[in-house]
Amino acid sequence: MNDNVEDITELRLWSLEKIKENKAKVARAYNKKVKPKEFQVGDLVWEAVLPLGTKDAAYGKWSPNWHGPYRVDQALPGNAYMLEELDGVKFSVAVNGKHLKKYFRSMWEDE
């Protein structure tokens, strides 16, 4: 009976070690492909339409997926950013960097 409990304990410890190894392997593969997004104060960015998947009934599937451009007013810890509109109106809440992307001026825009 005692040997059976020890065998189960060893099996559980071995399984836990394999789970840790697999998680580390997945994390390495993920980190190879994902590039962190960092923005500086003054950068122009697009903000994702949140919650994701909501559409304007007037446009249906042609609804925009991004709002903006907005200017980064302040960079906060944890990949959060305070934004402001181009006319200087500041957002009251921070936005996570994963919901932002860099804004590039179009060649058709007026300067």
C-alpha atoms as a PDB file:
ATOM      1  CA  MET A   1       0.000   0.000   0.000  1.00  0.00           C
ATOM      2  CA  ASN A   2       2.796   2.397   0.923  1.00  0.00           C
ATOM      3  CA  ASP A   3       4.671   1.664  -2.324  1.00  0.00           C
ATOM      4  CA  ASN A   4       1.542   2.503  -4.306  1.00  0.00           C
ATOM      5  CA  VAL A   5       1.291   5.962  -2.676  1.00  0.00           C
ATOM      6  CA  GLU A   6       4.978   6.623  -3.339  1.00  0.00           C
ATOM      7  CA  ASP A   7       4.568   5.582  -6.997  1.00  0.00           C
ATOM      8  CA  ILE A   8       1.602   7.932  -7.419  1.00  0.00           C
ATOM      9  CA  THR A   9       3.552  10.765  -5.770  1.00  0.00           C
ATOM     10  CA  GLU A  10       6.513  10.186  -8.101  1.00  0.00           C
ATOM     11  CA  LEU A  11       4.200  10.077 -11.119  1.00  0.00           C
ATOM     12  CA  ARG A  12       2.591  13.365 -10.086  1.00  0.00           C
ATOM     13  CA  LEU A  13       5.957  15.055  -9.601  1.00  0.00           C
ATOM     14  CA  TRP A  14       7.160  13.762 -12.993  1.00  0.00           C
ATOM     15  CA  SER A  15       3.914  15.008 -14.627  1.00  0.00           C
ATOM     16  CA  LEU A  16       4.291  18.429 -13.009  1.00  0.00           C
ATOM     17  CA  GLU A  17       7.855  18.675 -14.319  1.00  0.00           C
ATOM     18  CA  LYS A  18       6.714  17.766 -17.861  1.00  0.00           C
ATOM     19  CA  ILE A  19       3.940  20.397 -17.709  1.00  0.00           C
ATOM     20  CA  LYS A  20       6.482  23.047 -16.677  1.00  0.00           C
ATOM     21  CA  GLU A  21       8.813  22.041 -19.527  1.00  0.00           C
ATOM     22  CA  ASN A  22       5.975  22.210 -22.072  1.00  0.00           C
ATOM     23  CA  LYS A  23       4.827  25.622 -20.836  1.00  0.00           C
ATOM     24  CA  ALA A  24       8.368  26.952 -21.120  1.00  0.00           C
ATOM     25  CA  LYS A  25       8.631  25.557 -24.658  1.00  0.00           C
ATOM     26  CA  VAL A  26       5.345  27.224 -25.707  1.00  0.00           C
ATOM     27  CA  ALA A  27       6.438  30.512 -24.115  1.00  0.00           C
ATOM     28  CA  ARG A  28       9.737  30.473 -26.039  1.00  0.00           C
ATOM     29  CA  ALA A  29       7.931  29.852 -29.349  1.00  0.00           C
ATOM     30  CA  TYR A  30       5.408  32.620 -28.607  1.00  0.00           C
ATOM     31  CA  ASN A  31       8.070  35.134 -27.578  1.00  0.00           C
ATOM     32  CA  LYS A  32      10.021  34.509 -30.808  1.00  0.00           C
ATOM     33  CA  LYS A  33       7.101  35.678 -32.927  1.00  0.00           C
ATOM     34  CA  VAL A  34       5.547  38.431 -30.791  1.00  0.00           C
ATOM     35  CA  LYS A  35       7.107  41.861 -30.985  1.00  0.00           C
ATOM     36  CA  PRO A  36       6.211  44.131 -28.080  1.00  0.00           C
ATOM     37  CA  LYS A  37       4.650  47.450 -29.035  1.00  0.00           C
ATOM     38  CA  GLU A  38       6.099  50.491 -27.338  1.00  0.00           C
ATOM     39  CA  PHE A  39       5.089  54.070 -27.964  1.00  0.00           C
ATOM     40  CA  GLN A  40       6.772  57.323 -26.981  1.00  0.00           C
ATOM     41  CA  VAL A  41       5.110  60.514 -25.772  1.00  0.00           C
ATOM     42  CA  GLY A  42       4.055  62.455 -28.863  1.00  0.00           C
ATOM     43  CA  ASP A  43       3.610  59.400 -31.137  1.00  0.00           C
ATOM     44  CA  LEU A  44       0.442  59.250 -33.199  1.00  0.00           C
ATOM     45  CA  VAL A  45      -1.544  56.019 -32.756  1.00  0.00           C
ATOM     46  CA  TRP A  46      -4.764  54.313 -33.785  1.00  0.00           C
ATOM     47  CA  GLU A  47      -7.008  52.863 -31.064  1.00  0.00           C
ATOM     48  CA  ALA A  48      -8.952  49.643 -31.661  1.00  0.00           C
ATOM     49  CA  VAL A  49     -12.739  49.914 -31.615  1.00  0.00           C
ATOM     50  CA  LEU A  50     -13.677  48.307 -28.287  1.00  0.00           C
ATOM     51  CA  PRO A  51     -15.300  46.037 -27.435  1.00  0.00           C
ATOM     52  CA  LEU A  52     -13.861  44.075 -30.305  1.00  0.00           C
ATOM     53  CA  GLY A  53     -16.468  42.780 -32.695  1.00  0.00           C
ATOM     54  CA  THR A  54     -18.943  45.634 -32.327  1.00  0.00           C
ATOM     55  CA  LYS A  55     -20.120  47.149 -35.581  1.00  0.00           C
ATOM     56  CA  ASP A  56     -21.973  50.342 -36.432  1.00  0.00           C
ATOM     57  CA  ALA A  57     -25.410  49.332 -37.757  1.00  0.00           C
ATOM     58  CA  ALA A  58     -25.259  52.052 -40.414  1.00  0.00           C
ATOM     59  CA  TYR A  59     -22.110  50.606 -42.010  1.00  0.00           C
ATOM     60  CA  GLY A  60     -22.430  46.904 -41.154  1.00  0.00           C
ATOM     61  CA  LYS A  61     -19.267  45.004 -41.999  1.00  0.00           C
ATOM     62  CA  TRP A  62     -17.740  48.193 -43.438  1.00  0.00           C
ATOM     63  CA  SER A  63     -17.550  49.769 -39.968  1.00  0.00           C
ATOM     64  CA  PRO A  64     -14.098  51.046 -39.030  1.00  0.00           C
ATOM     65  CA  ASN A  65     -11.987  48.860 -36.760  1.00  0.00           C
ATOM     66  CA  TRP A  66      -9.755  51.688 -35.537  1.00  0.00           C
ATOM     67  CA  HIS A  67     -10.341  55.191 -34.130  1.00  0.00           C
ATOM     68  CA  GLY A  68      -7.897  58.027 -34.361  1.00  0.00           C
ATOM     69  CA  PRO A  69      -5.343  59.239 -34.812  1.00  0.00           C
ATOM     70  CA  TYR A  70      -4.600  60.137 -31.209  1.00  0.00           C
ATOM     71  CA  ARG A  71      -1.406  61.445 -29.632  1.00  0.00           C
ATOM     72  CA  VAL A  72       0.318  59.614 -26.769  1.00  0.00           C
ATOM     73  CA  ASP A  73       0.219  62.051 -23.852  1.00  0.00           C
ATOM     74  CA  GLN A  74       1.825  59.884 -21.190  1.00  0.00           C
ATOM     75  CA  ALA A  75       3.372  56.401 -20.946  1.00  0.00           C
ATOM     76  CA  LEU A  76       2.396  54.517 -17.789  1.00  0.00           C
ATOM     77  CA  PRO A  77       3.824  51.320 -16.274  1.00  0.00           C
ATOM     78  CA  GLY A  78       2.403  48.028 -17.517  1.00  0.00           C
ATOM     79  CA  ASN A  79       2.180  49.007 -21.212  1.00  0.00           C
ATOM     80  CA  ALA A  80      -0.616  51.539 -20.567  1.00  0.00           C
ATOM     81  CA  TYR A  81      -0.879  54.920 -22.252  1.00  0.00           C
ATOM     82  CA  MET A  82      -2.820  58.119 -21.693  1.00  0.00           C
ATOM     83  CA  LEU A  83      -3.988  59.517 -25.019  1.00  0.00           C
ATOM     84  CA  GLU A  84      -5.224  62.859 -26.237  1.00  0.00           C
ATOM     85  CA  GLU A  85      -7.049  63.944 -29.351  1.00  0.00           C
ATOM     86  CA  LEU A  86      -5.136  66.083 -31.824  1.00  0.00           C
ATOM     87  CA  ASP A  87      -7.005  69.190 -30.617  1.00  0.00           C
ATOM     88  CA  GLY A  88      -5.681  68.609 -27.069  1.00  0.00           C
ATOM     89  CA  VAL A  89      -8.694  66.933 -25.404  1.00  0.00           C
ATOM     90  CA  LYS A  90      -7.264  64.295 -23.052  1.00  0.00           C
ATOM     91  CA  PHE A  91      -8.724  60.835 -22.433  1.00  0.00           C
ATOM     92  CA  SER A  92      -9.874  60.222 -18.858  1.00  0.00           C
ATOM     93  CA  VAL A  93      -8.725  56.575 -18.754  1.00  0.00           C
ATOM     94  CA  ALA A  94      -5.561  54.803 -19.817  1.00  0.00           C
ATOM     95  CA  VAL A  95      -5.503  52.460 -22.830  1.00  0.00           C
ATOM     96  CA  ASN A  96      -3.562  49.205 -22.934  1.00  0.00           C
ATOM     97  CA  GLY A  97      -0.832  49.158 -25.581  1.00  0.00           C
ATOM     98  CA  LYS A  98      -2.185  45.945 -27.097  1.00  0.00           C
ATOM     99  CA  HIS A  99      -5.194  47.963 -28.333  1.00  0.00           C
ATOM    100  CA  LEU A 100      -3.007  50.531 -30.110  1.00  0.00           C
ATOM    101  CA  LYS A 101      -1.041  50.592 -33.340  1.00  0.00           C
ATOM    102  CA  LYS A 102       1.294  53.147 -34.848  1.00  0.00           C
ATOM    103  CA  TYR A 103      -0.281  55.754 -37.091  1.00  0.00           C
ATOM    104  CA  PHE A 104       1.445  56.475 -40.391  1.00  0.00           C
ATOM    105  CA  ARG A 105       0.415  59.493 -42.425  1.00  0.00           C
ATOM    106  CA  SER A 106      -1.133  58.605 -45.767  1.00  0.00           C
ATOM    107  CA  MET A 107       0.379  60.070 -48.912  1.00  0.00           C
ATOM    108  CA  TRP A 108      -3.113  61.365 -49.816  1.00  0.00           C
ATOM    109  CA  GLU A 109      -3.546  63.397 -46.622  1.00  0.00           C
ATOM    110  CA  ASP A 110      -3.131  67.163 -46.645  1.00  0.00           C
ATOM    111  CA  GLU A 111      -0.158  68.382 -44.681  1.00  0.00           C
END
